[in-house]
Amino acid sequence: MAVTVANAEVYFATQVLHNDEWVAADPAQKQRALANAKALLYRVYRNFSESTKPIPDKAVYEQALWLLRVDETIRKAEMGVKIISVSGMQIAVDKAPRTIAPQAVLIIGRRAGRAL
């Protein structure tokens, strides 16, 4: 199988219970999420190669969903923001959240010698 929006649609419709972010995304967002997920996973998992040892499609789909779920608070935390305050209410972020979707890690596995 290939990583396409059509194949991702089937995957999310049949295998993922909480898929609201995917369903709500427009076709262009879905395509960008898949492209970004694929590029990110190949950057992190350098022992995989698109031509000789491809990352499993399901891992790309899970990573795409993870990227669609990222909200503004998480994006700011990735840029180093520690506290967000709005109308006297504060959100403190201890550390930047994980970049790789937990489900993708389970599908691919951890990189040897490196924490994700």
PDB file of N, CA and C in Angstrom:
ATOM      1  N   MET A   1       0.819  -1.184   0.000  1.00  0.00           N
ATOM      2  CA  MET A   1       0.000   0.000   0.000  1.00  0.00           C
ATOM      3  C   MET A   1       0.865   1.250   0.000  1.00  0.00           C
ATOM      4  N   ALA A   2       0.344   2.323  -0.506  1.00  0.00           N
ATOM      5  CA  ALA A   2       1.065   3.589  -0.537  1.00  0.00           C
ATOM      6  C   ALA A   2       0.411   4.590   0.409  1.00  0.00           C
ATOM      7  N   VAL A   3       1.195   5.549   0.869  1.00  0.00           N
ATOM      8  CA  VAL A   3       0.670   6.593   1.742  1.00  0.00           C
ATOM      9  C   VAL A   3      -0.078   7.600   0.871  1.00  0.00           C
ATOM     10  N   THR A   4      -1.385   7.509   0.874  1.00  0.00           N
ATOM     11  CA  THR A   4      -2.244   8.437   0.143  1.00  0.00           C
ATOM     12  C   THR A   4      -3.391   8.855   1.048  1.00  0.00           C
ATOM     13  N   VAL A   5      -4.027   9.941   0.694  1.00  0.00           N
ATOM     14  CA  VAL A   5      -5.187  10.389   1.461  1.00  0.00           C
ATOM     15  C   VAL A   5      -6.277   9.319   1.411  1.00  0.00           C
ATOM     16  N   ALA A   6      -6.484   8.705   0.244  1.00  0.00           N
ATOM     17  CA  ALA A   6      -7.520   7.673   0.106  1.00  0.00           C
ATOM     18  C   ALA A   6      -7.237   6.482   1.017  1.00  0.00           C
ATOM     19  N   ASN A   7      -6.001   6.022   1.056  1.00  0.00           N
ATOM     20  CA  ASN A   7      -5.650   4.900   1.939  1.00  0.00           C
ATOM     21  C   ASN A   7      -5.751   5.296   3.411  1.00  0.00           C
ATOM     22  N   ALA A   8      -5.380   6.537   3.715  1.00  0.00           N
ATOM     23  CA  ALA A   8      -5.496   7.023   5.089  1.00  0.00           C
ATOM     24  C   ALA A   8      -6.965   7.095   5.502  1.00  0.00           C
ATOM     25  N   GLU A   9      -7.833   7.509   4.582  1.00  0.00           N
ATOM     26  CA  GLU A   9      -9.271   7.570   4.872  1.00  0.00           C
ATOM     27  C   GLU A   9      -9.791   6.194   5.292  1.00  0.00           C
ATOM     28  N   VAL A  10      -9.393   5.159   4.568  1.00  0.00           N
ATOM     29  CA  VAL A  10      -9.818   3.794   4.892  1.00  0.00           C
ATOM     30  C   VAL A  10      -9.279   3.395   6.262  1.00  0.00           C
ATOM     31  N   TYR A  11      -8.008   3.676   6.509  1.00  0.00           N
ATOM     32  CA  TYR A  11      -7.388   3.339   7.792  1.00  0.00           C
ATOM     33  C   TYR A  11      -8.134   4.006   8.950  1.00  0.00           C
ATOM     34  N   PHE A  12      -8.374   5.318   8.852  1.00  0.00           N
ATOM     35  CA  PHE A  12      -9.030   6.031   9.943  1.00  0.00           C
ATOM     36  C   PHE A  12     -10.494   5.628  10.106  1.00  0.00           C
ATOM     37  N   ALA A  13     -11.148   5.286   9.016  1.00  0.00           N
ATOM     38  CA  ALA A  13     -12.559   4.873   9.087  1.00  0.00           C
ATOM     39  C   ALA A  13     -12.725   3.486   9.683  1.00  0.00           C
ATOM     40  N   THR A  14     -11.735   2.630   9.512  1.00  0.00           N
ATOM     41  CA  THR A  14     -11.890   1.240   9.949  1.00  0.00           C
ATOM     42  C   THR A  14     -11.074   0.862  11.180  1.00  0.00           C
ATOM     43  N   GLN A  15     -10.020   1.615  11.506  1.00  0.00           N
ATOM     44  CA  GLN A  15      -9.130   1.166  12.573  1.00  0.00           C
ATOM     45  C   GLN A  15      -8.879   2.163  13.701  1.00  0.00           C
ATOM     46  N   VAL A  16      -9.377   3.381  13.572  1.00  0.00           N
ATOM     47  CA  VAL A  16      -9.087   4.391  14.595  1.00  0.00           C
ATOM     48  C   VAL A  16     -10.395   4.937  15.165  1.00  0.00           C
ATOM     49  N   LEU A  17     -10.610   4.715  16.452  1.00  0.00           N
ATOM     50  CA  LEU A  17     -11.845   5.151  17.094  1.00  0.00           C
ATOM     51  C   LEU A  17     -11.916   6.672  17.204  1.00  0.00           C
ATOM     52  N   HIS A  18     -10.887   7.287  17.754  1.00  0.00           N
ATOM     53  CA  HIS A  18     -10.873   8.744  17.966  1.00  0.00           C
ATOM     54  C   HIS A  18     -10.158   9.410  16.798  1.00  0.00           C
ATOM     55  N   ASN A  19     -10.904   9.651  15.718  1.00  0.00           N
ATOM     56  CA  ASN A  19     -10.329  10.188  14.487  1.00  0.00           C
ATOM     57  C   ASN A  19     -10.920  11.537  14.111  1.00  0.00           C
ATOM     58  N   ASP A  20     -11.482  12.248  15.074  1.00  0.00           N
ATOM     59  CA  ASP A  20     -12.198  13.491  14.802  1.00  0.00           C
ATOM     60  C   ASP A  20     -11.366  14.541  14.074  1.00  0.00           C
ATOM     61  N   GLU A  21     -10.100  14.676  14.455  1.00  0.00           N
ATOM     62  CA  GLU A  21      -9.251  15.690  13.811  1.00  0.00           C
ATOM     63  C   GLU A  21      -9.033  15.361  12.337  1.00  0.00           C
ATOM     64  N   TRP A  22      -8.903  14.079  12.031  1.00  0.00           N
ATOM     65  CA  TRP A  22      -8.732  13.680  10.631  1.00  0.00           C
ATOM     66  C   TRP A  22     -10.012  13.954   9.844  1.00  0.00           C
ATOM     67  N   VAL A  23     -11.142  13.564  10.401  1.00  0.00           N
ATOM     68  CA  VAL A  23     -12.431  13.739   9.723  1.00  0.00           C
ATOM     69  C   VAL A  23     -12.710  15.224   9.484  1.00  0.00           C
ATOM     70  N   ALA A  24     -12.357  16.080  10.437  1.00  0.00           N
ATOM     71  CA  ALA A  24     -12.629  17.513  10.336  1.00  0.00           C
ATOM     72  C   ALA A  24     -11.694  18.246   9.369  1.00  0.00           C
ATOM     73  N   ALA A  25     -10.554  17.665   9.069  1.00  0.00           N
ATOM     74  CA  ALA A  25      -9.573  18.326   8.197  1.00  0.00           C
ATOM     75  C   ALA A  25     -10.056  18.333   6.752  1.00  0.00           C
ATOM     76  N   ASP A  26      -9.689  19.390   6.035  1.00  0.00           N
ATOM     77  CA  ASP A  26     -10.031  19.425   4.610  1.00  0.00           C
ATOM     78  C   ASP A  26      -8.982  18.632   3.827  1.00  0.00           C
ATOM     79  N   PRO A  27      -9.262  18.302   2.559  1.00  0.00           N
ATOM     80  CA  PRO A  27      -8.329  17.467   1.780  1.00  0.00           C
ATOM     81  C   PRO A  27      -6.904  18.030   1.705  1.00  0.00           C
ATOM     82  N   ALA A  28      -6.771  19.332   1.601  1.00  0.00           N
ATOM     83  CA  ALA A  28      -5.429  19.934   1.537  1.00  0.00           C
ATOM     84  C   ALA A  28      -4.687  19.748   2.862  1.00  0.00           C
ATOM     85  N   GLN A  29      -5.388  19.925   3.986  1.00  0.00           N
ATOM     86  CA  GLN A  29      -4.766  19.710   5.301  1.00  0.00           C
ATOM     87  C   GLN A  29      -4.340  18.255   5.459  1.00  0.00           C
ATOM     88  N   LYS A  30      -5.181  17.343   5.022  1.00  0.00           N
ATOM     89  CA  LYS A  30      -4.864  15.918   5.127  1.00  0.00           C
ATOM     90  C   LYS A  30      -3.606  15.598   4.326  1.00  0.00           C
ATOM     91  N   GLN A  31      -3.503  16.138   3.117  1.00  0.00           N
ATOM     92  CA  GLN A  31      -2.331  15.889   2.275  1.00  0.00           C
ATOM     93  C   GLN A  31      -1.074  16.460   2.924  1.00  0.00           C
ATOM     94  N   ARG A  32      -1.185  17.681   3.462  1.00  0.00           N
ATOM     95  CA  ARG A  32      -0.032  18.294   4.129  1.00  0.00           C
ATOM     96  C   ARG A  32       0.366  17.522   5.378  1.00  0.00           C
ATOM     97  N   ALA A  33      -0.633  17.067   6.140  1.00  0.00           N
ATOM     98  CA  ALA A  33      -0.345  16.295   7.357  1.00  0.00           C
ATOM     99  C   ALA A  33       0.390  15.007   7.012  1.00  0.00           C
ATOM    100  N   LEU A  34      -0.043  14.318   5.963  1.00  0.00           N
ATOM    101  CA  LEU A  34       0.631  13.080   5.557  1.00  0.00           C
ATOM    102  C   LEU A  34       2.059  13.361   5.082  1.00  0.00           C
ATOM    103  N   ALA A  35       2.226  14.408   4.280  1.00  0.00           N
ATOM    104  CA  ALA A  35       3.561  14.750   3.768  1.00  0.00           C
ATOM    105  C   ALA A  35       4.488  15.136   4.912  1.00  0.00           C
ATOM    106  N   ASN A  36       3.984  15.941   5.851  1.00  0.00           N
ATOM    107  CA  ASN A  36       4.797  16.368   6.985  1.00  0.00           C
ATOM    108  C   ASN A  36       5.135  15.193   7.892  1.00  0.00           C
ATOM    109  N   ALA A  37       4.155  14.323   8.130  1.00  0.00           N
ATOM    110  CA  ALA A  37       4.380  13.142   8.974  1.00  0.00           C
ATOM    111  C   ALA A  37       5.450  12.240   8.377  1.00  0.00           C
ATOM    112  N   LYS A  38       5.338  11.998   7.096  1.00  0.00           N
ATOM    113  CA  LYS A  38       6.299  11.129   6.406  1.00  0.00           C
ATOM    114  C   LYS A  38       7.712  11.722   6.479  1.00  0.00           C
ATOM    115  N   ALA A  39       7.843  13.007   6.179  1.00  0.00           N
ATOM    116  CA  ALA A  39       9.156  13.658   6.221  1.00  0.00           C
ATOM    117  C   ALA A  39       9.737  13.629   7.633  1.00  0.00           C
ATOM    118  N   LEU A  40       8.912  13.903   8.628  1.00  0.00           N
ATOM    119  CA  LEU A  40       9.378  13.915  10.012  1.00  0.00           C
ATOM    120  C   LEU A  40       9.846  12.536  10.455  1.00  0.00           C
ATOM    121  N   LEU A  41       9.082  11.507  10.125  1.00  0.00           N
ATOM    122  CA  LEU A  41       9.469  10.153  10.529  1.00  0.00           C
ATOM    123  C   LEU A  41      10.774   9.722   9.857  1.00  0.00           C
ATOM    124  N   TYR A  42      10.965  10.050   8.589  1.00  0.00           N
ATOM    125  CA  TYR A  42      12.225   9.699   7.926  1.00  0.00           C
ATOM    126  C   TYR A  42      13.399  10.494   8.506  1.00  0.00           C
ATOM    127  N   ARG A  43      13.153  11.709   8.983  1.00  0.00           N
ATOM    128  CA  ARG A  43      14.209  12.497   9.611  1.00  0.00           C
ATOM    129  C   ARG A  43      14.619  11.896  10.949  1.00  0.00           C
ATOM    130  N   VAL A  44      13.643  11.403  11.704  1.00  0.00           N
ATOM    131  CA  VAL A  44      13.924  10.850  13.031  1.00  0.00           C
ATOM    132  C   VAL A  44      14.453   9.418  12.934  1.00  0.00           C
ATOM    133  N   TYR A  45      13.820   8.616  12.098  1.00  0.00           N
ATOM    134  CA  TYR A  45      14.210   7.208  11.952  1.00  0.00           C
ATOM    135  C   TYR A  45      15.105   7.059  10.724  1.00  0.00           C
ATOM    136  N   ARG A  46      16.360   7.382  10.879  1.00  0.00           N
ATOM    137  CA  ARG A  46      17.294   7.405   9.747  1.00  0.00           C
ATOM    138  C   ARG A  46      17.687   6.020   9.256  1.00  0.00           C
ATOM    139  N   ASN A  47      17.347   4.985   9.997  1.00  0.00           N
ATOM    140  CA  ASN A  47      17.644   3.629   9.545  1.00  0.00           C
ATOM    141  C   ASN A  47      16.613   3.153   8.518  1.00  0.00           C
ATOM    142  N   PHE A  48      15.577   3.960   8.273  1.00  0.00           N
ATOM    143  CA  PHE A  48      14.593   3.659   7.237  1.00  0.00           C
ATOM    144  C   PHE A  48      14.908   4.469   5.994  1.00  0.00           C
ATOM    145  N   SER A  49      14.550   3.918   4.854  1.00  0.00           N
ATOM    146  CA  SER A  49      14.764   4.595   3.572  1.00  0.00           C
ATOM    147  C   SER A  49      13.516   4.395   2.730  1.00  0.00           C
ATOM    148  N   GLU A  50      13.068   5.449   2.082  1.00  0.00           N
ATOM    149  CA  GLU A  50      11.847   5.361   1.291  1.00  0.00           C
ATOM    150  C   GLU A  50      11.952   4.328   0.169  1.00  0.00           C
ATOM    151  N   SER A  51      13.156   4.147  -0.360  1.00  0.00           N
ATOM    152  CA  SER A  51      13.318   3.219  -1.490  1.00  0.00           C
ATOM    153  C   SER A  51      13.645   1.790  -1.068  1.00  0.00           C
ATOM    154  N   THR A  52      14.379   1.607   0.030  1.00  0.00           N
ATOM    155  CA  THR A  52      14.802   0.252   0.395  1.00  0.00           C
ATOM    156  C   THR A  52      14.129  -0.316   1.645  1.00  0.00           C
ATOM    157  N   LYS A  53      13.821   0.537   2.617  1.00  0.00           N
ATOM    158  CA  LYS A  53      13.202   0.089   3.864  1.00  0.00           C
ATOM    159  C   LYS A  53      12.182   1.148   4.307  1.00  0.00           C
ATOM    160  N   PRO A  54      11.000   1.146   3.677  1.00  0.00           N
ATOM    161  CA  PRO A  54      10.025   2.205   3.967  1.00  0.00           C
ATOM    162  C   PRO A  54       9.415   2.104   5.364  1.00  0.00           C
ATOM    163  N   ILE A  55       9.073   3.253   5.905  1.00  0.00           N
ATOM    164  CA  ILE A  55       8.360   3.313   7.176  1.00  0.00           C
ATOM    165  C   ILE A  55       6.958   2.774   6.921  1.00  0.00           C
ATOM    166  N   PRO A  56       6.418   1.966   7.840  1.00  0.00           N
ATOM    167  CA  PRO A  56       5.070   1.425   7.646  1.00  0.00           C
ATOM    168  C   PRO A  56       4.025   2.532   7.461  1.00  0.00           C
ATOM    169  N   ASP A  57       3.121   2.330   6.528  1.00  0.00           N
ATOM    170  CA  ASP A  57       2.079   3.318   6.230  1.00  0.00           C
ATOM    171  C   ASP A  57       1.284   3.683   7.480  1.00  0.00           C
ATOM    172  N   LYS A  58       0.957   2.687   8.297  1.00  0.00           N
ATOM    173  CA  LYS A  58       0.169   2.947   9.512  1.00  0.00           C
ATOM    174  C   LYS A  58       0.878   3.934  10.437  1.00  0.00           C
ATOM    175  N   ALA A  59       2.192   3.866  10.503  1.00  0.00           N
ATOM    176  CA  ALA A  59       2.946   4.805  11.342  1.00  0.00           C
ATOM    177  C   ALA A  59       2.816   6.224  10.793  1.00  0.00           C
ATOM    178  N   VAL A  60       2.853   6.357   9.479  1.00  0.00           N
ATOM    179  CA  VAL A  60       2.691   7.682   8.852  1.00  0.00           C
ATOM    180  C   VAL A  60       1.285   8.217   9.139  1.00  0.00           C
ATOM    181  N   TYR A  61       0.274   7.364   9.031  1.00  0.00           N
ATOM    182  CA  TYR A  61      -1.094   7.795   9.303  1.00  0.00           C
ATOM    183  C   TYR A  61      -1.241   8.250  10.751  1.00  0.00           C
ATOM    184  N   GLU A  62      -0.690   7.492  11.682  1.00  0.00           N
ATOM    185  CA  GLU A  62      -0.779   7.855  13.097  1.00  0.00           C
ATOM    186  C   GLU A  62      -0.044   9.167  13.377  1.00  0.00           C
ATOM    187  N   GLN A  63       1.100   9.352  12.730  1.00  0.00           N
ATOM    188  CA  GLN A  63       1.853  10.598  12.903  1.00  0.00           C
ATOM    189  C   GLN A  63       1.073  11.766  12.318  1.00  0.00           C
ATOM    190  N   ALA A  64       0.418  11.574  11.197  1.00  0.00           N
ATOM    191  CA  ALA A  64      -0.383  12.639  10.586  1.00  0.00           C
ATOM    192  C   ALA A  64      -1.516  13.055  11.524  1.00  0.00           C
ATOM    193  N   LEU A  65      -2.180  12.078  12.126  1.00  0.00           N
ATOM    194  CA  LEU A  65      -3.252  12.379  13.072  1.00  0.00           C
ATOM    195  C   LEU A  65      -2.698  13.145  14.269  1.00  0.00           C
ATOM    196  N   TRP A  66      -1.549  12.736  14.759  1.00  0.00           N
ATOM    197  CA  TRP A  66      -0.884  13.406  15.883  1.00  0.00           C
ATOM    198  C   TRP A  66      -0.616  14.873  15.530  1.00  0.00           C
ATOM    199  N   LEU A  67      -0.127  15.116  14.324  1.00  0.00           N
ATOM    200  CA  LEU A  67       0.157  16.486  13.898  1.00  0.00           C
ATOM    201  C   LEU A  67      -1.117  17.321  13.809  1.00  0.00           C
ATOM    202  N   LEU A  68      -2.200  16.716  13.360  1.00  0.00           N
ATOM    203  CA  LEU A  68      -3.472  17.439  13.289  1.00  0.00           C
ATOM    204  C   LEU A  68      -4.019  17.758  14.680  1.00  0.00           C
ATOM    205  N   ARG A  69      -3.634  16.994  15.673  1.00  0.00           N
ATOM    206  CA  ARG A  69      -4.103  17.207  17.042  1.00  0.00           C
ATOM    207  C   ARG A  69      -3.325  18.286  17.786  1.00  0.00           C
ATOM    208  N   VAL A  70      -2.170  18.643  17.294  1.00  0.00           N
ATOM    209  CA  VAL A  70      -1.322  19.617  17.975  1.00  0.00           C
ATOM    210  C   VAL A  70      -2.041  20.961  18.030  1.00  0.00           C
ATOM    211  N   ASP A  71      -2.207  21.483  19.238  1.00  0.00           N
ATOM    212  CA  ASP A  71      -2.869  22.782  19.373  1.00  0.00           C
ATOM    213  C   ASP A  71      -1.824  23.879  19.591  1.00  0.00           C
ATOM    214  N   GLU A  72      -2.308  25.102  19.724  1.00  0.00           N
ATOM    215  CA  GLU A  72      -1.422  26.254  19.839  1.00  0.00           C
ATOM    216  C   GLU A  72      -0.516  26.165  21.072  1.00  0.00           C
ATOM    217  N   THR A  73      -1.016  25.641  22.164  1.00  0.00           N
ATOM    218  CA  THR A  73      -0.220  25.522  23.385  1.00  0.00           C
ATOM    219  C   THR A  73       0.975  24.600  23.159  1.00  0.00           C
ATOM    220  N   ILE A  74       0.751  23.493  22.501  1.00  0.00           N
ATOM    221  CA  ILE A  74       1.834  22.549  22.238  1.00  0.00           C
ATOM    222  C   ILE A  74       2.847  23.156  21.269  1.00  0.00           C
ATOM    223  N   ARG A  75       2.367  23.847  20.244  1.00  0.00           N
ATOM    224  CA  ARG A  75       3.302  24.494  19.303  1.00  0.00           C
ATOM    225  C   ARG A  75       4.176  25.511  20.019  1.00  0.00           C
ATOM    226  N   LYS A  76       3.591  26.269  20.940  1.00  0.00           N
ATOM    227  CA  LYS A  76       4.376  27.251  21.696  1.00  0.00           C
ATOM    228  C   LYS A  76       5.376  26.548  22.616  1.00  0.00           C
ATOM    229  N   ALA A  77       4.971  25.448  23.227  1.00  0.00           N
ATOM    230  CA  ALA A  77       5.883  24.699  24.103  1.00  0.00           C
ATOM    231  C   ALA A  77       7.073  24.187  23.311  1.00  0.00           C
ATOM    232  N   GLU A  78       6.836  23.756  22.062  1.00  0.00           N
ATOM    233  CA  GLU A  78       7.943  23.288  21.224  1.00  0.00           C
ATOM    234  C   GLU A  78       8.928  24.417  20.929  1.00  0.00           C
ATOM    235  N   MET A  79       8.452  25.671  20.980  1.00  0.00           N
ATOM    236  CA  MET A  79       9.320  26.826  20.747  1.00  0.00           C
ATOM    237  C   MET A  79       9.953  27.337  22.030  1.00  0.00           C
ATOM    238  N   GLY A  80       9.680  26.675  23.166  1.00  0.00           N
ATOM    239  CA  GLY A  80      10.330  27.025  24.420  1.00  0.00           C
ATOM    240  C   GLY A  80       9.491  27.814  25.405  1.00  0.00           C
ATOM    241  N   VAL A  81       8.235  28.121  25.087  1.00  0.00           N
ATOM    242  CA  VAL A  81       7.375  28.852  26.014  1.00  0.00           C
ATOM    243  C   VAL A  81       7.104  27.979  27.236  1.00  0.00           C
ATOM    244  N   LYS A  82       7.237  28.563  28.430  1.00  0.00           N
ATOM    245  CA  LYS A  82       7.049  27.810  29.677  1.00  0.00           C
ATOM    246  C   LYS A  82       5.672  28.049  30.300  1.00  0.00           C
ATOM    247  N   ILE A  83       5.155  29.281  30.192  1.00  0.00           N
ATOM    248  CA  ILE A  83       3.875  29.623  30.814  1.00  0.00           C
ATOM    249  C   ILE A  83       3.044  30.444  29.829  1.00  0.00           C
ATOM    250  N   ILE A  84       1.755  30.100  29.748  1.00  0.00           N
ATOM    251  CA  ILE A  84       0.812  30.847  28.926  1.00  0.00           C
ATOM    252  C   ILE A  84      -0.264  31.363  29.862  1.00  0.00           C
ATOM    253  N   SER A  85      -0.541  32.669  29.805  1.00  0.00           N
ATOM    254  CA  SER A  85      -1.512  33.272  30.703  1.00  0.00           C
ATOM    255  C   SER A  85      -2.569  34.011  29.893  1.00  0.00           C
ATOM    256  N   VAL A  86      -3.844  33.736  30.198  1.00  0.00           N
ATOM    257  CA  VAL A  86      -4.961  34.410  29.546  1.00  0.00           C
ATOM    258  C   VAL A  86      -5.978  34.773  30.615  1.00  0.00           C
ATOM    259  N   SER A  87      -6.275  36.042  30.742  1.00  0.00           N
ATOM    260  CA  SER A  87      -7.277  36.534  31.697  1.00  0.00           C
ATOM    261  C   SER A  87      -7.089  35.951  33.095  1.00  0.00           C
ATOM    262  N   GLY A  88      -5.862  35.945  33.573  1.00  0.00           N
ATOM    263  CA  GLY A  88      -5.577  35.465  34.919  1.00  0.00           C
ATOM    264  C   GLY A  88      -5.462  33.960  35.054  1.00  0.00           C
ATOM    265  N   MET A  89      -5.732  33.242  34.007  1.00  0.00           N
ATOM    266  CA  MET A  89      -5.608  31.785  34.043  1.00  0.00           C
ATOM    267  C   MET A  89      -4.288  31.404  33.384  1.00  0.00           C
ATOM    268  N   GLN A  90      -3.537  30.507  34.026  1.00  0.00           N
ATOM    269  CA  GLN A  90      -2.228  30.133  33.504  1.00  0.00           C
ATOM    270  C   GLN A  90      -2.147  28.653  33.179  1.00  0.00           C
ATOM    271  N   ILE A  91      -1.385  28.368  32.133  1.00  0.00           N
ATOM    272  CA  ILE A  91      -1.034  26.994  31.790  1.00  0.00           C
ATOM    273  C   ILE A  91       0.480  26.931  31.811  1.00  0.00           C
ATOM    274  N   ALA A  92       1.029  26.071  32.662  1.00  0.00           N
ATOM    275  CA  ALA A  92       2.474  25.891  32.742  1.00  0.00           C
ATOM    276  C   ALA A  92       2.838  24.614  32.000  1.00  0.00           C
ATOM    277  N   VAL A  93       3.825  24.734  31.122  1.00  0.00           N
ATOM    278  CA  VAL A  93       4.282  23.583  30.342  1.00  0.00           C
ATOM    279  C   VAL A  93       5.650  23.191  30.873  1.00  0.00           C
ATOM    280  N   ASP A  94       5.757  21.977  31.406  1.00  0.00           N
ATOM    281  CA  ASP A  94       6.994  21.508  32.010  1.00  0.00           C
ATOM    282  C   ASP A  94       8.092  21.339  30.970  1.00  0.00           C
ATOM    283  N   LYS A  95       7.772  20.689  29.860  1.00  0.00           N
ATOM    284  CA  LYS A  95       8.748  20.468  28.803  1.00  0.00           C
ATOM    285  C   LYS A  95       7.994  20.309  27.490  1.00  0.00           C
ATOM    286  N   ALA A  96       8.700  20.434  26.420  1.00  0.00           N
ATOM    287  CA  ALA A  96       8.068  20.266  25.117  1.00  0.00           C
ATOM    288  C   ALA A  96       7.553  18.842  24.981  1.00  0.00           C
ATOM    289  N   PRO A  97       6.361  18.674  24.465  1.00  0.00           N
ATOM    290  CA  PRO A  97       5.801  17.331  24.318  1.00  0.00           C
ATOM    291  C   PRO A  97       6.542  16.534  23.253  1.00  0.00           C
ATOM    292  N   ARG A  98       6.231  15.262  23.210  1.00  0.00           N
ATOM    293  CA  ARG A  98       6.893  14.415  22.229  1.00  0.00           C
ATOM    294  C   ARG A  98       6.521  14.817  20.814  1.00  0.00           C
ATOM    295  N   THR A  99       7.488  14.711  19.939  1.00  0.00           N
ATOM    296  CA  THR A  99       7.301  15.049  18.542  1.00  0.00           C
ATOM    297  C   THR A  99       6.698  13.896  17.765  1.00  0.00           C
ATOM    298  N   ILE A 100       7.032  12.688  18.177  1.00  0.00           N
ATOM    299  CA  ILE A 100       6.563  11.499  17.462  1.00  0.00           C
ATOM    300  C   ILE A 100       5.352  10.914  18.194  1.00  0.00           C
ATOM    301  N   ALA A 101       4.331  10.584  17.430  1.00  0.00           N
ATOM    302  CA  ALA A 101       3.105  10.016  17.989  1.00  0.00           C
ATOM    303  C   ALA A 101       3.405   8.709  18.717  1.00  0.00           C
ATOM    304  N   PRO A 102       2.847   8.527  19.903  1.00  0.00           N
ATOM    305  CA  PRO A 102       3.076   7.279  20.638  1.00  0.00           C
ATOM    306  C   PRO A 102       2.699   6.036  19.818  1.00  0.00           C
ATOM    307  N   GLN A 103       1.617   6.094  19.072  1.00  0.00           N
ATOM    308  CA  GLN A 103       1.211   4.946  18.251  1.00  0.00           C
ATOM    309  C   GLN A 103       2.223   4.673  17.137  1.00  0.00           C
ATOM    310  N   ALA A 104       2.810   5.730  16.567  1.00  0.00           N
ATOM    311  CA  ALA A 104       3.840   5.540  15.543  1.00  0.00           C
ATOM    312  C   ALA A 104       5.071   4.867  16.142  1.00  0.00           C
ATOM    313  N   VAL A 105       5.431   5.276  17.357  1.00  0.00           N
ATOM    314  CA  VAL A 105       6.572   4.656  18.041  1.00  0.00           C
ATOM    315  C   VAL A 105       6.305   3.167  18.261  1.00  0.00           C
ATOM    316  N   LEU A 106       5.085   2.834  18.653  1.00  0.00           N
ATOM    317  CA  LEU A 106       4.752   1.422  18.858  1.00  0.00           C
ATOM    318  C   LEU A 106       4.841   0.622  17.559  1.00  0.00           C
ATOM    319  N   ILE A 107       4.463   1.236  16.461  1.00  0.00           N
ATOM    320  CA  ILE A 107       4.512   0.547  15.163  1.00  0.00           C
ATOM    321  C   ILE A 107       5.950   0.400  14.670  1.00  0.00           C
ATOM    322  N   ILE A 108       6.735   1.465  14.775  1.00  0.00           N
ATOM    323  CA  ILE A 108       8.105   1.476  14.238  1.00  0.00           C
ATOM    324  C   ILE A 108       9.100   0.894  15.235  1.00  0.00           C
ATOM    325  N   GLY A 109       8.948   1.292  16.505  1.00  0.00           N
ATOM    326  CA  GLY A 109       9.913   0.929  17.534  1.00  0.00           C
ATOM    327  C   GLY A 109      10.785   2.113  17.870  1.00  0.00           C
ATOM    328  N   ARG A 110      11.496   2.018  18.950  1.00  0.00           N
ATOM    329  CA  ARG A 110      12.392   3.105  19.365  1.00  0.00           C
ATOM    330  C   ARG A 110      13.709   3.009  18.609  1.00  0.00           C
ATOM    331  N   ARG A 111      14.307   4.167  18.427  1.00  0.00           N
ATOM    332  CA  ARG A 111      15.638   4.191  17.836  1.00  0.00           C
ATOM    333  C   ARG A 111      16.637   3.699  18.871  1.00  0.00           C
ATOM    334  N   ALA A 112      17.560   2.883  18.486  1.00  0.00           N
ATOM    335  CA  ALA A 112      18.564   2.346  19.414  1.00  0.00           C
ATOM    336  C   ALA A 112      19.403   3.473  19.990  1.00  0.00           C
ATOM    337  N   GLY A 113      19.495   3.513  21.322  1.00  0.00           N
ATOM    338  CA  GLY A 113      20.362   4.476  21.991  1.00  0.00           C
ATOM    339  C   GLY A 113      19.820   5.868  22.077  1.00  0.00           C
ATOM    340  N   ARG A 114      18.601   6.133  21.614  1.00  0.00           N
ATOM    341  CA  ARG A 114      18.063   7.476  21.654  1.00  0.00           C
ATOM    342  C   ARG A 114      16.660   7.459  22.237  1.00  0.00           C
ATOM    343  N   ALA A 115      16.356   8.427  23.059  1.00  0.00           N
ATOM    344  CA  ALA A 115      14.993   8.556  23.591  1.00  0.00           C
ATOM    345  C   ALA A 115      14.190   9.455  22.672  1.00  0.00           C
ATOM    346  N   LEU A 116      12.913   9.149  22.518  1.00  0.00           N
ATOM    347  CA  LEU A 116      12.051  10.004  21.684  1.00  0.00           C
ATOM    348  C   LEU A 116      11.306  10.989  22.527  1.00  0.00           C
TER     349      LEU A 116
END
